[in-house]
């Protein structure tokens, strides 16, 4: 009986260590999945904003303004739809003609 109690005594710390290792691995996996979801959401937002910019700029009447609008989007890269709308509105505004 003494030998059985010694084996049970040594098995307890090993099972606790294995359980702790499993918890650490689960936590690490949860972190990796969370970061992948955030990265995917950021990419989805960027793609949606790019599509919106293309749609809004292509809706401008003059070809030169459409091209300028898209070029401005590429250089400025507004962070959200509100800034994009302001940029397109500014691109669509009539330009003052030079006085001769």
N, C-alpha and C. Protein backbone atom coordinates (compact mmCIF):
# COMPACT_ATOMS: atom_id res chain seq x y z
N UNK A 1 0.81 -1.19 0.00
CA UNK A 1 0.00 0.00 0.00
C UNK A 1 0.86 1.25 0.00
N UNK A 2 1.99 1.16 0.59
CA UNK A 2 2.87 2.30 0.66
C UNK A 2 3.34 2.73 -0.74
N UNK A 3 3.62 1.76 -1.60
CA UNK A 3 4.07 2.06 -2.95
C UNK A 3 2.95 2.75 -3.75
N UNK A 4 1.71 2.34 -3.55
CA UNK A 4 0.60 2.97 -4.26
C UNK A 4 0.43 4.43 -3.85
N UNK A 5 0.58 4.71 -2.59
CA UNK A 5 0.41 6.09 -2.13
C UNK A 5 1.55 6.98 -2.65
N UNK A 6 2.75 6.43 -2.82
CA UNK A 6 3.87 7.20 -3.37
C UNK A 6 3.59 7.53 -4.83
N UNK A 7 3.09 6.56 -5.61
CA UNK A 7 2.76 6.81 -7.02
C UNK A 7 1.66 7.85 -7.15
N UNK A 8 0.65 7.75 -6.30
CA UNK A 8 -0.43 8.72 -6.35
C UNK A 8 0.08 10.11 -5.97
N UNK A 9 1.00 10.18 -5.05
CA UNK A 9 1.56 11.45 -4.60
C UNK A 9 2.33 12.13 -5.74
N UNK A 10 3.08 11.38 -6.54
CA UNK A 10 3.86 11.94 -7.64
C UNK A 10 2.98 12.22 -8.86
N UNK A 11 1.90 11.50 -9.01
CA UNK A 11 1.03 11.70 -10.16
C UNK A 11 0.24 13.00 -10.04
N UNK A 12 -0.02 13.43 -8.83
CA UNK A 12 -0.81 14.65 -8.63
C UNK A 12 -0.10 15.89 -9.19
N UNK A 13 1.17 16.18 -8.87
CA UNK A 13 1.84 17.36 -9.44
C UNK A 13 1.95 17.29 -10.96
N UNK A 14 2.15 16.10 -11.52
CA UNK A 14 2.25 15.96 -12.97
C UNK A 14 0.91 16.30 -13.63
N UNK A 15 -0.18 15.87 -13.06
CA UNK A 15 -1.48 16.17 -13.66
C UNK A 15 -1.81 17.65 -13.53
N UNK A 16 -1.39 18.27 -12.45
CA UNK A 16 -1.59 19.71 -12.29
C UNK A 16 -0.76 20.46 -13.33
N UNK A 17 0.46 20.02 -13.57
CA UNK A 17 1.33 20.65 -14.58
C UNK A 17 0.73 20.50 -15.97
N UNK A 18 0.21 19.33 -16.28
CA UNK A 18 -0.43 19.11 -17.58
C UNK A 18 -1.66 20.00 -17.73
N UNK A 19 -2.46 20.09 -16.69
CA UNK A 19 -3.65 20.95 -16.72
C UNK A 19 -3.26 22.41 -16.93
N UNK A 20 -2.22 22.85 -16.23
CA UNK A 20 -1.75 24.24 -16.39
C UNK A 20 -1.25 24.47 -17.81
N UNK A 21 -0.55 23.50 -18.36
CA UNK A 21 -0.07 23.61 -19.74
C UNK A 21 -1.21 23.72 -20.74
N UNK A 22 -2.25 22.94 -20.52
CA UNK A 22 -3.43 22.99 -21.40
C UNK A 22 -4.09 24.35 -21.30
N UNK A 23 -4.20 24.90 -20.09
CA UNK A 23 -4.78 26.23 -19.93
C UNK A 23 -3.97 27.30 -20.66
N UNK A 24 -2.65 27.22 -20.57
CA UNK A 24 -1.79 28.18 -21.25
C UNK A 24 -1.97 28.07 -22.76
N UNK A 25 -2.00 26.85 -23.28
CA UNK A 25 -2.20 26.66 -24.72
C UNK A 25 -3.56 27.17 -25.18
N UNK A 26 -4.59 26.94 -24.40
CA UNK A 26 -5.92 27.45 -24.74
C UNK A 26 -5.93 28.98 -24.74
N UNK A 27 -5.28 29.57 -23.76
CA UNK A 27 -5.19 31.03 -23.71
C UNK A 27 -4.44 31.58 -24.91
N UNK A 28 -3.35 30.94 -25.28
CA UNK A 28 -2.59 31.37 -26.45
C UNK A 28 -3.38 31.24 -27.73
N UNK A 29 -4.11 30.16 -27.87
CA UNK A 29 -4.95 29.97 -29.05
C UNK A 29 -6.06 31.02 -29.10
N UNK A 30 -6.64 31.33 -27.97
CA UNK A 30 -7.68 32.37 -27.92
C UNK A 30 -7.12 33.72 -28.36
N UNK A 31 -5.91 34.04 -27.94
CA UNK A 31 -5.28 35.31 -28.32
C UNK A 31 -5.04 35.35 -29.83
N UNK A 32 -4.53 34.26 -30.39
CA UNK A 32 -4.25 34.20 -31.83
C UNK A 32 -5.54 34.36 -32.62
N UNK A 33 -6.60 33.70 -32.21
CA UNK A 33 -7.88 33.81 -32.90
C UNK A 33 -8.42 35.23 -32.80
N UNK A 34 -8.32 35.83 -31.64
CA UNK A 34 -8.80 37.20 -31.44
C UNK A 34 -8.05 38.17 -32.35
N UNK A 35 -6.75 38.04 -32.48
CA UNK A 35 -5.96 38.91 -33.34
C UNK A 35 -6.31 38.68 -34.81
N UNK A 36 -6.57 37.45 -35.20
CA UNK A 36 -6.96 37.16 -36.58
C UNK A 36 -8.31 37.80 -36.90
N UNK A 37 -9.22 37.77 -35.97
CA UNK A 37 -10.54 38.39 -36.17
C UNK A 37 -10.37 39.90 -36.32
N UNK A 38 -9.57 40.51 -35.48
CA UNK A 38 -9.33 41.97 -35.58
C UNK A 38 -8.69 42.34 -36.92
N UNK A 39 -7.72 41.56 -37.33
CA UNK A 39 -7.05 41.83 -38.59
C UNK A 39 -8.02 41.66 -39.76
N UNK A 40 -8.85 40.66 -39.70
CA UNK A 40 -9.86 40.46 -40.75
C UNK A 40 -10.86 41.60 -40.80
N UNK A 41 -11.26 42.09 -39.66
CA UNK A 41 -12.21 43.21 -39.60
C UNK A 41 -11.58 44.48 -40.17
N UNK A 42 -10.33 44.71 -39.86
CA UNK A 42 -9.62 45.88 -40.40
C UNK A 42 -9.52 45.78 -41.91
N UNK A 43 -9.19 44.62 -42.42
CA UNK A 43 -9.10 44.43 -43.87
C UNK A 43 -10.47 44.60 -44.53
N UNK A 44 -11.52 44.11 -43.89
CA UNK A 44 -12.86 44.24 -44.45
C UNK A 44 -13.27 45.71 -44.52
N UNK A 45 -12.97 46.47 -43.46
CA UNK A 45 -13.29 47.90 -43.46
C UNK A 45 -12.53 48.65 -44.55
N UNK A 46 -11.25 48.33 -44.72
CA UNK A 46 -10.45 48.99 -45.74
C UNK A 46 -10.99 48.69 -47.13
N UNK A 47 -11.38 47.45 -47.38
CA UNK A 47 -11.94 47.08 -48.68
C UNK A 47 -13.26 47.78 -48.92
N UNK A 48 -14.10 47.84 -47.91
CA UNK A 48 -15.40 48.51 -48.05
C UNK A 48 -15.21 50.00 -48.33
N UNK A 49 -14.26 50.63 -47.67
CA UNK A 49 -14.00 52.04 -47.88
C UNK A 49 -13.46 52.28 -49.29
N UNK A 50 -12.63 51.38 -49.77
CA UNK A 50 -12.10 51.50 -51.12
C UNK A 50 -13.23 51.38 -52.16
N UNK A 51 -14.14 50.46 -51.95
CA UNK A 51 -15.29 50.32 -52.85
C UNK A 51 -16.18 51.57 -52.80
N UNK A 52 -16.38 52.08 -51.60
CA UNK A 52 -17.19 53.28 -51.46
C UNK A 52 -16.54 54.46 -52.16
N UNK A 53 -15.23 54.60 -52.03
CA UNK A 53 -14.51 55.70 -52.69
C UNK A 53 -14.65 55.58 -54.20
N UNK A 54 -14.49 54.39 -54.71
CA UNK A 54 -14.62 54.19 -56.15
C UNK A 54 -16.03 54.56 -56.60
N UNK A 55 -17.03 54.13 -55.88
CA UNK A 55 -18.42 54.41 -56.24
C UNK A 55 -18.69 55.91 -56.20
N UNK A 56 -18.27 56.56 -55.11
CA UNK A 56 -18.54 57.99 -54.96
C UNK A 56 -17.78 58.82 -55.99
N UNK A 57 -16.53 58.50 -56.22
CA UNK A 57 -15.74 59.26 -57.19
C UNK A 57 -16.27 59.04 -58.61
N UNK A 58 -16.66 57.82 -58.93
CA UNK A 58 -17.19 57.54 -60.27
C UNK A 58 -18.53 58.22 -60.50
N UNK A 59 -19.21 58.61 -59.43
CA UNK A 59 -20.50 59.29 -59.57
C UNK A 59 -20.34 60.76 -59.95
N UNK A 60 -19.13 61.29 -59.87
CA UNK A 60 -18.91 62.68 -60.27
C UNK A 60 -19.10 62.82 -61.78
N UNK A 61 -19.61 63.96 -62.21
CA UNK A 61 -19.98 64.14 -63.61
C UNK A 61 -18.78 64.27 -64.55
N UNK A 62 -17.80 65.03 -64.15
CA UNK A 62 -16.68 65.31 -65.04
C UNK A 62 -15.58 64.25 -64.89
N UNK A 63 -15.07 63.82 -66.01
CA UNK A 63 -14.03 62.78 -66.02
C UNK A 63 -12.79 63.24 -65.23
N UNK A 64 -12.39 64.47 -65.43
CA UNK A 64 -11.19 64.98 -64.74
C UNK A 64 -11.39 64.96 -63.22
N UNK A 65 -12.58 65.32 -62.78
CA UNK A 65 -12.85 65.30 -61.32
C UNK A 65 -12.88 63.87 -60.79
N UNK A 66 -13.41 62.94 -61.58
CA UNK A 66 -13.42 61.53 -61.15
C UNK A 66 -11.99 61.04 -60.93
N UNK A 67 -11.13 61.30 -61.90
CA UNK A 67 -9.74 60.87 -61.78
C UNK A 67 -9.03 61.54 -60.63
N UNK A 68 -9.27 62.85 -60.47
CA UNK A 68 -8.64 63.58 -59.37
C UNK A 68 -9.14 63.07 -58.02
N UNK A 69 -10.41 62.75 -57.97
CA UNK A 69 -11.00 62.24 -56.72
C UNK A 69 -10.36 60.90 -56.33
N UNK A 70 -10.25 60.00 -57.30
CA UNK A 70 -9.65 58.69 -57.00
C UNK A 70 -8.17 58.84 -56.62
N UNK A 71 -7.47 59.73 -57.30
CA UNK A 71 -6.06 59.95 -56.97
C UNK A 71 -5.93 60.53 -55.56
N UNK A 72 -6.81 61.44 -55.23
CA UNK A 72 -6.78 62.03 -53.89
C UNK A 72 -7.07 60.98 -52.83
N UNK A 73 -8.01 60.07 -53.13
CA UNK A 73 -8.30 58.98 -52.19
C UNK A 73 -7.05 58.14 -51.96
N UNK A 74 -6.34 57.82 -53.03
CA UNK A 74 -5.14 56.99 -52.91
C UNK A 74 -4.05 57.69 -52.09
N UNK A 75 -3.93 59.00 -52.23
CA UNK A 75 -2.86 59.70 -51.50
C UNK A 75 -3.26 60.02 -50.06
N UNK A 76 -4.50 60.45 -49.85
CA UNK A 76 -4.93 60.84 -48.50
C UNK A 76 -5.37 59.66 -47.65
N UNK A 77 -5.99 58.67 -48.26
CA UNK A 77 -6.52 57.49 -47.58
C UNK A 77 -7.32 57.86 -46.34
N UNK A 78 -8.51 58.45 -46.53
CA UNK A 78 -9.34 58.80 -45.37
C UNK A 78 -9.66 57.55 -44.54
N UNK A 79 -9.77 57.76 -43.24
CA UNK A 79 -9.92 56.64 -42.31
C UNK A 79 -11.35 56.13 -42.18
N UNK A 80 -12.33 56.95 -42.57
CA UNK A 80 -13.71 56.50 -42.42
C UNK A 80 -14.59 57.11 -43.50
N UNK A 81 -15.83 56.68 -43.52
CA UNK A 81 -16.77 57.09 -44.56
C UNK A 81 -17.07 58.59 -44.50
N UNK A 82 -17.14 59.16 -43.31
CA UNK A 82 -17.43 60.59 -43.18
C UNK A 82 -16.33 61.44 -43.81
N UNK A 83 -15.08 61.07 -43.57
CA UNK A 83 -13.96 61.81 -44.17
C UNK A 83 -13.94 61.61 -45.68
N UNK A 84 -14.28 60.42 -46.11
CA UNK A 84 -14.35 60.14 -47.55
C UNK A 84 -15.42 61.01 -48.20
N UNK A 85 -16.59 61.08 -47.59
CA UNK A 85 -17.67 61.90 -48.14
C UNK A 85 -17.27 63.37 -48.22
N UNK A 86 -16.58 63.87 -47.21
CA UNK A 86 -16.12 65.26 -47.22
C UNK A 86 -15.11 65.47 -48.33
N UNK A 87 -14.24 64.51 -48.53
CA UNK A 87 -13.23 64.61 -49.58
C UNK A 87 -13.90 64.64 -50.96
N UNK A 88 -14.89 63.78 -51.18
CA UNK A 88 -15.58 63.73 -52.47
C UNK A 88 -16.39 65.01 -52.67
N UNK A 89 -17.04 65.50 -51.62
CA UNK A 89 -17.80 66.75 -51.74
C UNK A 89 -16.88 67.90 -52.12
N UNK A 90 -15.70 67.92 -51.55
CA UNK A 90 -14.73 68.96 -51.88
C UNK A 90 -14.25 68.82 -53.33
N UNK A 91 -14.07 67.59 -53.76
CA UNK A 91 -13.64 67.35 -55.15
C UNK A 91 -14.74 67.73 -56.13
N UNK A 92 -16.00 67.60 -55.72
CA UNK A 92 -17.12 67.90 -56.60
C UNK A 92 -17.47 69.38 -56.64
N UNK A 93 -16.98 70.14 -55.68
CA UNK A 93 -17.30 71.58 -55.62
C UNK A 93 -16.72 72.29 -56.83
N UNK A 94 -17.45 73.25 -57.36
CA UNK A 94 -16.92 73.99 -58.50
C UNK A 94 -15.65 74.74 -58.13
N UNK A 95 -14.70 74.69 -59.04
CA UNK A 95 -13.42 75.38 -58.82
C UNK A 95 -13.54 76.81 -59.34
N UNK A 96 -13.00 77.76 -58.60
CA UNK A 96 -13.06 79.15 -59.09
C UNK A 96 -12.22 79.29 -60.37
N UNK A 97 -12.76 80.03 -61.29
CA UNK A 97 -12.05 80.25 -62.54
C UNK A 97 -11.07 81.40 -62.37
N UNK A 98 -9.92 81.25 -62.98
CA UNK A 98 -8.93 82.34 -62.85
C UNK A 98 -9.42 83.58 -63.56
N UNK A 99 -9.13 84.73 -63.00
CA UNK A 99 -9.54 86.01 -63.56
C UNK A 99 -8.49 86.43 -64.59
N UNK A 100 -8.98 86.86 -65.75
CA UNK A 100 -8.06 87.28 -66.81
C UNK A 100 -8.10 88.75 -67.00
